[in-house]
PDB file of N, CA and C in Angstrom:
ATOM      1  N   MET A   1     -40.435   4.082 -23.263  1.00  0.00           N
ATOM      2  CA  MET A   1     -41.454   3.825 -22.260  1.00  0.00           C
ATOM      3  C   MET A   1     -41.721   2.334 -22.197  1.00  0.00           C
ATOM      4  N   LYS A   2     -41.923   1.881 -20.985  1.00  0.00           N
ATOM      5  CA  LYS A   2     -42.259   0.475 -20.760  1.00  0.00           C
ATOM      6  C   LYS A   2     -43.723   0.391 -20.335  1.00  0.00           C
ATOM      7  N   ASN A   3     -44.245  -0.809 -20.354  1.00  0.00           N
ATOM      8  CA  ASN A   3     -45.585  -1.081 -19.847  1.00  0.00           C
ATOM      9  C   ASN A   3     -45.479  -2.108 -18.731  1.00  0.00           C
ATOM     10  N   ILE A   4     -46.422  -2.032 -17.798  1.00  0.00           N
ATOM     11  CA  ILE A   4     -46.504  -2.996 -16.700  1.00  0.00           C
ATOM     12  C   ILE A   4     -47.978  -3.328 -16.500  1.00  0.00           C
ATOM     13  N   THR A   5     -48.262  -4.572 -16.179  1.00  0.00           N
ATOM     14  CA  THR A   5     -49.645  -4.966 -15.902  1.00  0.00           C
ATOM     15  C   THR A   5     -49.952  -4.669 -14.432  1.00  0.00           C
ATOM     16  N   VAL A   6     -51.217  -4.648 -14.098  1.00  0.00           N
ATOM     17  CA  VAL A   6     -51.582  -4.432 -12.698  1.00  0.00           C
ATOM     18  C   VAL A   6     -51.100  -5.596 -11.834  1.00  0.00           C
ATOM     19  N   ALA A   7     -51.074  -6.793 -12.392  1.00  0.00           N
ATOM     20  CA  ALA A   7     -50.586  -7.951 -11.629  1.00  0.00           C
ATOM     21  C   ALA A   7     -49.097  -7.787 -11.305  1.00  0.00           C
ATOM     22  N   GLU A   8     -48.316  -7.323 -12.283  1.00  0.00           N
ATOM     23  CA  GLU A   8     -46.883  -7.095 -12.041  1.00  0.00           C
ATOM     24  C   GLU A   8     -46.684  -6.001 -10.998  1.00  0.00           C
ATOM     25  N   LEU A   9     -47.469  -4.926 -11.118  1.00  0.00           N
ATOM     26  CA  LEU A   9     -47.367  -3.823 -10.163  1.00  0.00           C
ATOM     27  C   LEU A   9     -47.716  -4.296  -8.751  1.00  0.00           C
ATOM     28  N   LYS A  10     -48.805  -5.032  -8.618  1.00  0.00           N
ATOM     29  CA  LYS A  10     -49.207  -5.511  -7.294  1.00  0.00           C
ATOM     30  C   LYS A  10     -48.145  -6.432  -6.703  1.00  0.00           C
ATOM     31  N   SER A  11     -47.587  -7.290  -7.525  1.00  0.00           N
ATOM     32  CA  SER A  11     -46.540  -8.200  -7.064  1.00  0.00           C
ATOM     33  C   SER A  11     -45.328  -7.427  -6.545  1.00  0.00           C
ATOM     34  N   ARG A  12     -44.918  -6.407  -7.268  1.00  0.00           N
ATOM     35  CA  ARG A  12     -43.778  -5.595  -6.838  1.00  0.00           C
ATOM     36  C   ARG A  12     -44.101  -4.834  -5.557  1.00  0.00           C
ATOM     37  N   ARG A  13     -45.305  -4.290  -5.491  1.00  0.00           N
ATOM     38  CA  ARG A  13     -45.712  -3.557  -4.290  1.00  0.00           C
ATOM     39  C   ARG A  13     -45.801  -4.498  -3.087  1.00  0.00           C
ATOM     40  N   ASP A  14     -46.395  -5.671  -3.284  1.00  0.00           N
ATOM     41  CA  ASP A  14     -46.520  -6.653  -2.204  1.00  0.00           C
ATOM     42  C   ASP A  14     -45.157  -7.150  -1.723  1.00  0.00           C
ATOM     43  N   ALA A  15     -44.165  -7.130  -2.610  1.00  0.00           N
ATOM     44  CA  ALA A  15     -42.812  -7.562  -2.257  1.00  0.00           C
ATOM     45  C   ALA A  15     -42.065  -6.488  -1.465  1.00  0.00           C
ATOM     46  N   GLY A  16     -42.709  -5.331  -1.296  1.00  0.00           N
ATOM     47  CA  GLY A  16     -42.111  -4.275  -0.486  1.00  0.00           C
ATOM     48  C   GLY A  16     -41.193  -3.332  -1.236  1.00  0.00           C
ATOM     49  N   GLU A  17     -41.217  -3.389  -2.568  1.00  0.00           N
ATOM     50  CA  GLU A  17     -40.388  -2.471  -3.341  1.00  0.00           C
ATOM     51  C   GLU A  17     -40.818  -1.028  -3.083  1.00  0.00           C
ATOM     52  N   SER A  18     -39.864  -0.138  -3.068  1.00  0.00           N
ATOM     53  CA  SER A  18     -40.152   1.293  -2.946  1.00  0.00           C
ATOM     54  C   SER A  18     -40.458   1.814  -4.351  1.00  0.00           C
ATOM     55  N   LEU A  19     -41.715   2.143  -4.588  1.00  0.00           N
ATOM     56  CA  LEU A  19     -42.168   2.516  -5.928  1.00  0.00           C
ATOM     57  C   LEU A  19     -42.666   3.953  -5.958  1.00  0.00           C
ATOM     58  N   HIS A  20     -42.434   4.617  -7.078  1.00  0.00           N
ATOM     59  CA  HIS A  20     -42.982   5.955  -7.308  1.00  0.00           C
ATOM     60  C   HIS A  20     -44.176   5.783  -8.245  1.00  0.00           C
ATOM     61  N   ILE A  21     -45.373   5.685  -7.650  1.00  0.00           N
ATOM     62  CA  ILE A  21     -46.606   5.477  -8.420  1.00  0.00           C
ATOM     63  C   ILE A  21     -47.321   6.816  -8.536  1.00  0.00           C
ATOM     64  N   ILE A  22     -47.607   7.211  -9.770  1.00  0.00           N
ATOM     65  CA  ILE A  22     -48.262   8.497 -10.042  1.00  0.00           C
ATOM     66  C   ILE A  22     -49.626   8.227 -10.667  1.00  0.00           C
ATOM     67  N   ASP A  23     -50.663   8.803 -10.070  1.00  0.00           N
ATOM     68  CA  ASP A  23     -52.048   8.681 -10.532  1.00  0.00           C
ATOM     69  C   ASP A  23     -52.386   9.971 -11.285  1.00  0.00           C
ATOM     70  N   VAL A  24     -52.705   9.862 -12.576  1.00  0.00           N
ATOM     71  CA  VAL A  24     -52.955  11.063 -13.387  1.00  0.00           C
ATOM     72  C   VAL A  24     -54.445  11.323 -13.629  1.00  0.00           C
ATOM     73  N   ARG A  25     -55.297  10.699 -12.814  1.00  0.00           N
ATOM     74  CA  ARG A  25     -56.743  10.948 -12.932  1.00  0.00           C
ATOM     75  C   ARG A  25     -57.103  12.262 -12.240  1.00  0.00           C
ATOM     76  N   GLU A  26     -58.362  12.588 -12.255  1.00  0.00           N
ATOM     77  CA  GLU A  26     -58.860  13.796 -11.598  1.00  0.00           C
ATOM     78  C   GLU A  26     -59.055  13.545 -10.100  1.00  0.00           C
ATOM     79  N   PRO A  27     -59.006  14.607  -9.281  1.00  0.00           N
ATOM     80  CA  PRO A  27     -59.165  14.439  -7.827  1.00  0.00           C
ATOM     81  C   PRO A  27     -60.422  13.667  -7.426  1.00  0.00           C
ATOM     82  N   SER A  28     -61.543  13.901  -8.107  1.00  0.00           N
ATOM     83  CA  SER A  28     -62.780  13.196  -7.753  1.00  0.00           C
ATOM     84  C   SER A  28     -62.643  11.692  -8.005  1.00  0.00           C
ATOM     85  N   GLU A  29     -61.963  11.312  -9.085  1.00  0.00           N
ATOM     86  CA  GLU A  29     -61.741   9.894  -9.362  1.00  0.00           C
ATOM     87  C   GLU A  29     -60.835   9.284  -8.298  1.00  0.00           C
ATOM     88  N   TYR A  30     -59.819  10.036  -7.907  1.00  0.00           N
ATOM     89  CA  TYR A  30     -58.862   9.582  -6.894  1.00  0.00           C
ATOM     90  C   TYR A  30     -59.554   9.362  -5.556  1.00  0.00           C
ATOM     91  N   GLN A  31     -60.447  10.290  -5.190  1.00  0.00           N
ATOM     92  CA  GLN A  31     -61.175  10.157  -3.921  1.00  0.00           C
ATOM     93  C   GLN A  31     -62.095   8.947  -3.944  1.00  0.00           C
ATOM     94  N   GLU A  32     -62.677   8.668  -5.093  1.00  0.00           N
ATOM     95  CA  GLU A  32     -63.605   7.544  -5.223  1.00  0.00           C
ATOM     96  C   GLU A  32     -62.893   6.196  -5.076  1.00  0.00           C
ATOM     97  N   TYR A  33     -61.692   6.074  -5.667  1.00  0.00           N
ATOM     98  CA  TYR A  33     -60.939   4.821  -5.606  1.00  0.00           C
ATOM     99  C   TYR A  33     -59.499   5.112  -5.994  1.00  0.00           C
ATOM    100  N   ASN A  34     -58.552   4.657  -5.184  1.00  0.00           N
ATOM    101  CA  ASN A  34     -57.143   4.821  -5.556  1.00  0.00           C
ATOM    102  C   ASN A  34     -56.330   3.662  -5.012  1.00  0.00           C
ATOM    103  N   ILE A  35     -55.155   3.490  -5.591  1.00  0.00           N
ATOM    104  CA  ILE A  35     -54.277   2.394  -5.173  1.00  0.00           C
ATOM    105  C   ILE A  35     -53.066   2.920  -4.411  1.00  0.00           C
ATOM    106  N   GLY A  36     -53.151   4.163  -3.954  1.00  0.00           N
ATOM    107  CA  GLY A  36     -52.102   4.700  -3.102  1.00  0.00           C
ATOM    108  C   GLY A  36     -51.014   5.485  -3.802  1.00  0.00           C
ATOM    109  N   GLY A  37     -51.211   5.801  -5.071  1.00  0.00           N
ATOM    110  CA  GLY A  37     -50.223   6.602  -5.784  1.00  0.00           C
ATOM    111  C   GLY A  37     -50.352   8.080  -5.459  1.00  0.00           C
ATOM    112  N   LYS A  38     -49.365   8.857  -5.895  1.00  0.00           N
ATOM    113  CA  LYS A  38     -49.395  10.317  -5.725  1.00  0.00           C
ATOM    114  C   LYS A  38     -50.256  10.901  -6.832  1.00  0.00           C
ATOM    115  N   LEU A  39     -51.220  11.732  -6.480  1.00  0.00           N
ATOM    116  CA  LEU A  39     -52.126  12.326  -7.456  1.00  0.00           C
ATOM    117  C   LEU A  39     -51.482  13.542  -8.126  1.00  0.00           C
ATOM    118  N   ILE A  40     -51.295  13.443  -9.432  1.00  0.00           N
ATOM    119  CA  ILE A  40     -50.889  14.579 -10.267  1.00  0.00           C
ATOM    120  C   ILE A  40     -51.730  14.479 -11.542  1.00  0.00           C
ATOM    121  N   PRO A  41     -52.858  15.206 -11.602  1.00  0.00           N
ATOM    122  CA  PRO A  41     -53.763  15.080 -12.753  1.00  0.00           C
ATOM    123  C   PRO A  41     -53.058  15.334 -14.086  1.00  0.00           C
ATOM    124  N   LEU A  42     -53.526  14.663 -15.124  1.00  0.00           N
ATOM    125  CA  LEU A  42     -52.933  14.779 -16.453  1.00  0.00           C
ATOM    126  C   LEU A  42     -52.824  16.231 -16.903  1.00  0.00           C
ATOM    127  N   GLY A  43     -53.828  17.048 -16.598  1.00  0.00           N
ATOM    128  CA  GLY A  43     -53.791  18.452 -16.995  1.00  0.00           C
ATOM    129  C   GLY A  43     -52.558  19.175 -16.473  1.00  0.00           C
ATOM    130  N   LYS A  44     -52.143  18.857 -15.262  1.00  0.00           N
ATOM    131  CA  LYS A  44     -50.931  19.464 -14.700  1.00  0.00           C
ATOM    132  C   LYS A  44     -49.695  19.005 -15.461  1.00  0.00           C
ATOM    133  N   ILE A  45     -49.652  17.735 -15.787  1.00  0.00           N
ATOM    134  CA  ILE A  45     -48.499  17.215 -16.523  1.00  0.00           C
ATOM    135  C   ILE A  45     -48.454  17.828 -17.921  1.00  0.00           C
ATOM    136  N   MET A  46     -49.606  17.931 -18.574  1.00  0.00           N
ATOM    137  CA  MET A  46     -49.645  18.494 -19.923  1.00  0.00           C
ATOM    138  C   MET A  46     -49.225  19.961 -19.945  1.00  0.00           C
ATOM    139  N   SER A  47     -49.391  20.654 -18.822  1.00  0.00           N
ATOM    140  CA  SER A  47     -48.981  22.063 -18.757  1.00  0.00           C
ATOM    141  C   SER A  47     -47.667  22.217 -17.973  1.00  0.00           C
ATOM    142  N   PHE A  48     -46.914  21.127 -17.876  1.00  0.00           N
ATOM    143  CA  PHE A  48     -45.583  21.113 -17.246  1.00  0.00           C
ATOM    144  C   PHE A  48     -45.594  21.587 -15.794  1.00  0.00           C
ATOM    145  N   GLN A  49     -46.654  21.291 -15.063  1.00  0.00           N
ATOM    146  CA  GLN A  49     -46.749  21.653 -13.645  1.00  0.00           C
ATOM    147  C   GLN A  49     -46.472  20.419 -12.790  1.00  0.00           C
ATOM    148  N   PHE A  50     -45.242  19.936 -12.874  1.00  0.00           N
ATOM    149  CA  PHE A  50     -44.881  18.738 -12.118  1.00  0.00           C
ATOM    150  C   PHE A  50     -43.532  18.917 -11.433  1.00  0.00           C
ATOM    151  N   ASP A  51     -43.341  20.082 -10.821  1.00  0.00           N
ATOM    152  CA  ASP A  51     -42.085  20.373 -10.123  1.00  0.00           C
ATOM    153  C   ASP A  51     -41.740  19.320  -9.072  1.00  0.00           C
ATOM    154  N   GLU A  52     -42.773  18.759  -8.408  1.00  0.00           N
ATOM    155  CA  GLU A  52     -42.518  17.780  -7.353  1.00  0.00           C
ATOM    156  C   GLU A  52     -41.880  16.501  -7.885  1.00  0.00           C
ATOM    157  N   LEU A  53     -41.839  16.334  -9.205  1.00  0.00           N
ATOM    158  CA  LEU A  53     -41.228  15.145  -9.795  1.00  0.00           C
ATOM    159  C   LEU A  53     -39.804  15.381 -10.294  1.00  0.00           C
ATOM    160  N   GLU A  54     -39.368  16.622 -10.314  1.00  0.00           N
ATOM    161  CA  GLU A  54     -38.061  16.952 -10.899  1.00  0.00           C
ATOM    162  C   GLU A  54     -36.918  16.137 -10.298  1.00  0.00           C
ATOM    163  N   ASP A  55     -36.946  15.881  -8.997  1.00  0.00           N
ATOM    164  CA  ASP A  55     -35.880  15.106  -8.357  1.00  0.00           C
ATOM    165  C   ASP A  55     -35.914  13.632  -8.751  1.00  0.00           C
ATOM    166  N   LEU A  56     -36.976  13.220  -9.433  1.00  0.00           N
ATOM    167  CA  LEU A  56     -37.145  11.813  -9.810  1.00  0.00           C
ATOM    168  C   LEU A  56     -36.914  11.588 -11.306  1.00  0.00           C
ATOM    169  N   LYS A  57     -36.251  12.539 -11.976  1.00  0.00           N
ATOM    170  CA  LYS A  57     -36.084  12.463 -13.437  1.00  0.00           C
ATOM    171  C   LYS A  57     -35.442  11.171 -13.909  1.00  0.00           C
ATOM    172  N   ASN A  58     -34.561  10.600 -13.110  1.00  0.00           N
ATOM    173  CA  ASN A  58     -33.876   9.374 -13.513  1.00  0.00           C
ATOM    174  C   ASN A  58     -34.342   8.154 -12.727  1.00  0.00           C
ATOM    175  N   GLU A  59     -35.403   8.330 -11.951  1.00  0.00           N
ATOM    176  CA  GLU A  59     -35.995   7.222 -11.186  1.00  0.00           C
ATOM    177  C   GLU A  59     -37.140   6.620 -11.997  1.00  0.00           C
ATOM    178  N   GLU A  60     -37.510   5.389 -11.649  1.00  0.00           N
ATOM    179  CA  GLU A  60     -38.666   4.782 -12.293  1.00  0.00           C
ATOM    180  C   GLU A  60     -39.938   5.452 -11.786  1.00  0.00           C
ATOM    181  N   LEU A  61     -40.750   5.929 -12.710  1.00  0.00           N
ATOM    182  CA  LEU A  61     -42.062   6.502 -12.386  1.00  0.00           C
ATOM    183  C   LEU A  61     -43.116   5.594 -13.012  1.00  0.00           C
ATOM    184  N   ILE A  62     -43.988   5.047 -12.180  1.00  0.00           N
ATOM    185  CA  ILE A  62     -45.052   4.163 -12.650  1.00  0.00           C
ATOM    186  C   ILE A  62     -46.326   4.996 -12.720  1.00  0.00           C
ATOM    187  N   ILE A  63     -46.833   5.196 -13.932  1.00  0.00           N
ATOM    188  CA  ILE A  63     -47.946   6.115 -14.188  1.00  0.00           C
ATOM    189  C   ILE A  63     -49.215   5.315 -14.474  1.00  0.00           C
ATOM    190  N   HIS A  64     -50.304   5.678 -13.782  1.00  0.00           N
ATOM    191  CA  HIS A  64     -51.573   4.988 -14.063  1.00  0.00           C
ATOM    192  C   HIS A  64     -52.734   5.967 -14.078  1.00  0.00           C
ATOM    193  N   CYS A  65     -53.822   5.514 -14.701  1.00  0.00           N
ATOM    194  CA  CYS A  65     -55.073   6.284 -14.743  1.00  0.00           C
ATOM    195  C   CYS A  65     -56.224   5.285 -14.606  1.00  0.00           C
ATOM    196  N   LYS A  66     -57.325   5.540 -15.244  1.00  0.00           N
ATOM    197  CA  LYS A  66     -58.482   4.653 -15.124  1.00  0.00           C
ATOM    198  C   LYS A  66     -58.357   3.416 -16.026  1.00  0.00           C
ATOM    199  N   MET A  67     -57.925   3.629 -17.290  1.00  0.00           N
ATOM    200  CA  MET A  67     -57.851   2.513 -18.228  1.00  0.00           C
ATOM    201  C   MET A  67     -56.527   2.421 -18.979  1.00  0.00           C
ATOM    202  N   GLY A  68     -55.689   3.434 -18.910  1.00  0.00           N
ATOM    203  CA  GLY A  68     -54.397   3.379 -19.574  1.00  0.00           C
ATOM    204  C   GLY A  68     -54.144   4.456 -20.615  1.00  0.00           C
ATOM    205  N   GLY A  69     -55.182   5.158 -21.056  1.00  0.00           N
ATOM    206  CA  GLY A  69     -55.020   6.188 -22.080  1.00  0.00           C
ATOM    207  C   GLY A  69     -54.352   7.457 -21.580  1.00  0.00           C
ATOM    208  N   ARG A  70     -54.851   7.984 -20.479  1.00  0.00           N
ATOM    209  CA  ARG A  70     -54.257   9.211 -19.929  1.00  0.00           C
ATOM    210  C   ARG A  70     -52.846   8.962 -19.431  1.00  0.00           C
ATOM    211  N   SER A  71     -52.622   7.791 -18.854  1.00  0.00           N
ATOM    212  CA  SER A  71     -51.270   7.495 -18.365  1.00  0.00           C
ATOM    213  C   SER A  71     -50.293   7.384 -19.535  1.00  0.00           C
ATOM    214  N   LEU A  72     -50.741   6.859 -20.660  1.00  0.00           N
ATOM    215  CA  LEU A  72     -49.899   6.802 -21.853  1.00  0.00           C
ATOM    216  C   LEU A  72     -49.514   8.213 -22.298  1.00  0.00           C
ATOM    217  N   GLN A  73     -50.475   9.122 -22.328  1.00  0.00           N
ATOM    218  CA  GLN A  73     -50.194  10.525 -22.664  1.00  0.00           C
ATOM    219  C   GLN A  73     -49.200  11.135 -21.676  1.00  0.00           C
ATOM    220  N   ALA A  74     -49.419  10.881 -20.394  1.00  0.00           N
ATOM    221  CA  ALA A  74     -48.530  11.428 -19.364  1.00  0.00           C
ATOM    222  C   ALA A  74     -47.115  10.890 -19.536  1.00  0.00           C
ATOM    223  N   CYS A  75     -46.986   9.606 -19.834  1.00  0.00           N
ATOM    224  CA  CYS A  75     -45.661   9.017 -20.054  1.00  0.00           C
ATOM    225  C   CYS A  75     -44.949   9.693 -21.219  1.00  0.00           C
ATOM    226  N   MET A  76     -45.668   9.908 -22.320  1.00  0.00           N
ATOM    227  CA  MET A  76     -45.056  10.559 -23.474  1.00  0.00           C
ATOM    228  C   MET A  76     -44.616  11.979 -23.140  1.00  0.00           C
ATOM    229  N   MET A  77     -45.441  12.698 -22.397  1.00  0.00           N
ATOM    230  CA  MET A  77     -45.107  14.072 -22.024  1.00  0.00           C
ATOM    231  C   MET A  77     -43.898  14.096 -21.091  1.00  0.00           C
ATOM    232  N   LEU A  78     -43.869  13.209 -20.119  1.00  0.00           N
ATOM    233  CA  LEU A  78     -42.744  13.163 -19.189  1.00  0.00           C
ATOM    234  C   LEU A  78     -41.454  12.779 -19.904  1.00  0.00           C
ATOM    235  N   GLU A  79     -41.538  11.848 -20.843  1.00  0.00           N
ATOM    236  CA  GLU A  79     -40.351  11.500 -21.627  1.00  0.00           C
ATOM    237  C   GLU A  79     -39.861  12.702 -22.421  1.00  0.00           C
ATOM    238  N   ALA A  80     -40.799  13.447 -23.009  1.00  0.00           N
ATOM    239  CA  ALA A  80     -40.425  14.653 -23.766  1.00  0.00           C
ATOM    240  C   ALA A  80     -39.772  15.694 -22.861  1.00  0.00           C
ATOM    241  N   ALA A  81     -40.117  15.668 -21.561  1.00  0.00           N
ATOM    242  CA  ALA A  81     -39.554  16.615 -20.597  1.00  0.00           C
ATOM    243  C   ALA A  81     -38.239  16.100 -19.989  1.00  0.00           C
ATOM    244  N   GLY A  82     -37.754  14.951 -20.466  1.00  0.00           N
ATOM    245  CA  GLY A  82     -36.457  14.467 -20.017  1.00  0.00           C
ATOM    246  C   GLY A  82     -36.467  13.372 -18.969  1.00  0.00           C
ATOM    247  N   PHE A  83     -37.646  12.862 -18.615  1.00  0.00           N
ATOM    248  CA  PHE A  83     -37.699  11.756 -17.660  1.00  0.00           C
ATOM    249  C   PHE A  83     -37.255  10.483 -18.384  1.00  0.00           C
ATOM    250  N   THR A  84     -36.396   9.708 -17.733  1.00  0.00           N
ATOM    251  CA  THR A  84     -35.720   8.615 -18.428  1.00  0.00           C
ATOM    252  C   THR A  84     -36.306   7.228 -18.189  1.00  0.00           C
ATOM    253  N   ASN A  85     -37.225   7.083 -17.220  1.00  0.00           N
ATOM    254  CA  ASN A  85     -37.698   5.741 -16.877  1.00  0.00           C
ATOM    255  C   ASN A  85     -39.169   5.779 -16.487  1.00  0.00           C
ATOM    256  N   VAL A  86     -40.039   6.032 -17.470  1.00  0.00           N
ATOM    257  CA  VAL A  86     -41.475   6.078 -17.189  1.00  0.00           C
ATOM    258  C   VAL A  86     -42.118   4.768 -17.625  1.00  0.00           C
ATOM    259  N   VAL A  87     -43.076   4.324 -16.815  1.00  0.00           N
ATOM    260  CA  VAL A  87     -43.729   3.032 -17.033  1.00  0.00           C
ATOM    261  C   VAL A  87     -45.244   3.255 -17.006  1.00  0.00           C
ATOM    262  N   ASN A  88     -45.923   2.778 -18.033  1.00  0.00           N
ATOM    263  CA  ASN A  88     -47.373   2.901 -18.135  1.00  0.00           C
ATOM    264  C   ASN A  88     -48.040   1.639 -17.593  1.00  0.00           C
ATOM    265  N   VAL A  89     -49.042   1.831 -16.723  1.00  0.00           N
ATOM    266  CA  VAL A  89     -49.802   0.698 -16.188  1.00  0.00           C
ATOM    267  C   VAL A  89     -50.959   0.411 -17.148  1.00  0.00           C
ATOM    268  N   THR A  90     -50.896  -0.743 -17.812  1.00  0.00           N
ATOM    269  CA  THR A  90     -51.952  -1.095 -18.750  1.00  0.00           C
ATOM    270  C   THR A  90     -53.212  -1.496 -17.989  1.00  0.00           C
ATOM    271  N   GLY A  91     -54.338  -0.971 -18.424  1.00  0.00           N
ATOM    272  CA  GLY A  91     -55.617  -1.311 -17.793  1.00  0.00           C
ATOM    273  C   GLY A  91     -56.023  -0.423 -16.637  1.00  0.00           C
ATOM    274  N   GLY A  92     -55.064   0.263 -16.023  1.00  0.00           N
ATOM    275  CA  GLY A  92     -55.339   1.224 -14.959  1.00  0.00           C
ATOM    276  C   GLY A  92     -56.141   0.682 -13.790  1.00  0.00           C
ATOM    277  N   THR A  93     -56.830   1.602 -13.114  1.00  0.00           N
ATOM    278  CA  THR A  93     -57.584   1.204 -11.923  1.00  0.00           C
ATOM    279  C   THR A  93     -58.753   0.285 -12.260  1.00  0.00           C
ATOM    280  N   ASN A  94     -59.274   0.369 -13.492  1.00  0.00           N
ATOM    281  CA  ASN A  94     -60.339  -0.567 -13.872  1.00  0.00           C
ATOM    282  C   ASN A  94     -59.841  -2.005 -13.797  1.00  0.00           C
ATOM    283  N   ALA A  95     -58.650  -2.258 -14.352  1.00  0.00           N
ATOM    284  CA  ALA A  95     -58.075  -3.605 -14.307  1.00  0.00           C
ATOM    285  C   ALA A  95     -57.725  -3.994 -12.874  1.00  0.00           C
ATOM    286  N   TRP A  96     -57.230  -3.018 -12.100  1.00  0.00           N
ATOM    287  CA  TRP A  96     -56.878  -3.292 -10.695  1.00  0.00           C
ATOM    288  C   TRP A  96     -58.123  -3.742  -9.931  1.00  0.00           C
ATOM    289  N   LYS A  97     -59.213  -2.980 -10.063  1.00  0.00           N
ATOM    290  CA  LYS A  97     -60.462  -3.328  -9.362  1.00  0.00           C
ATOM    291  C   LYS A  97     -60.981  -4.685  -9.800  1.00  0.00           C
ATOM    292  N   GLN A  98     -60.901  -4.951 -11.097  1.00  0.00           N
ATOM    293  CA  GLN A  98     -61.397  -6.211 -11.628  1.00  0.00           C
ATOM    294  C   GLN A  98     -60.610  -7.397 -11.068  1.00  0.00           C
ATOM    295  N   GLN A  99     -59.294  -7.240 -10.935  1.00  0.00           N
ATOM    296  CA  GLN A  99     -58.471  -8.354 -10.485  1.00  0.00           C
ATOM    297  C   GLN A  99     -58.341  -8.457  -8.963  1.00  0.00           C
ATOM    298  N   PHE A 100     -58.352  -7.299  -8.286  1.00  0.00           N
ATOM    299  CA  PHE A 100     -58.027  -7.302  -6.849  1.00  0.00           C
ATOM    300  C   PHE A 100     -59.092  -6.686  -5.955  1.00  0.00           C
ATOM    301  N   GLY A 101     -60.171  -6.179  -6.557  1.00  0.00           N
ATOM    302  CA  GLY A 101     -61.243  -5.621  -5.750  1.00  0.00           C
ATOM    303  C   GLY A 101     -61.121  -4.256  -5.356  1.00  0.00           C
TER     304      GLY A 101
END
């Protein structure tokens, strides 16, 4: 597993890269504030309910949450399920809001 900062993520997104960003927070958190990732709550990942990601097993998946803890768990679970390129966003949406509003 790799780590990426919110600044690195924003730079890549601003450069127009096609990114697979996964938000593992709860729906209420996602509705309150999100950076445009696909919502798949950690509970679904922990119970292996992530069929929509199966086609992306060998693609880079950038996983984020509020501060980095849940995304770290999700990355470990996805790696255990055979995903080969998972990236944890350090600081999560808290760091994103702090740096970019």
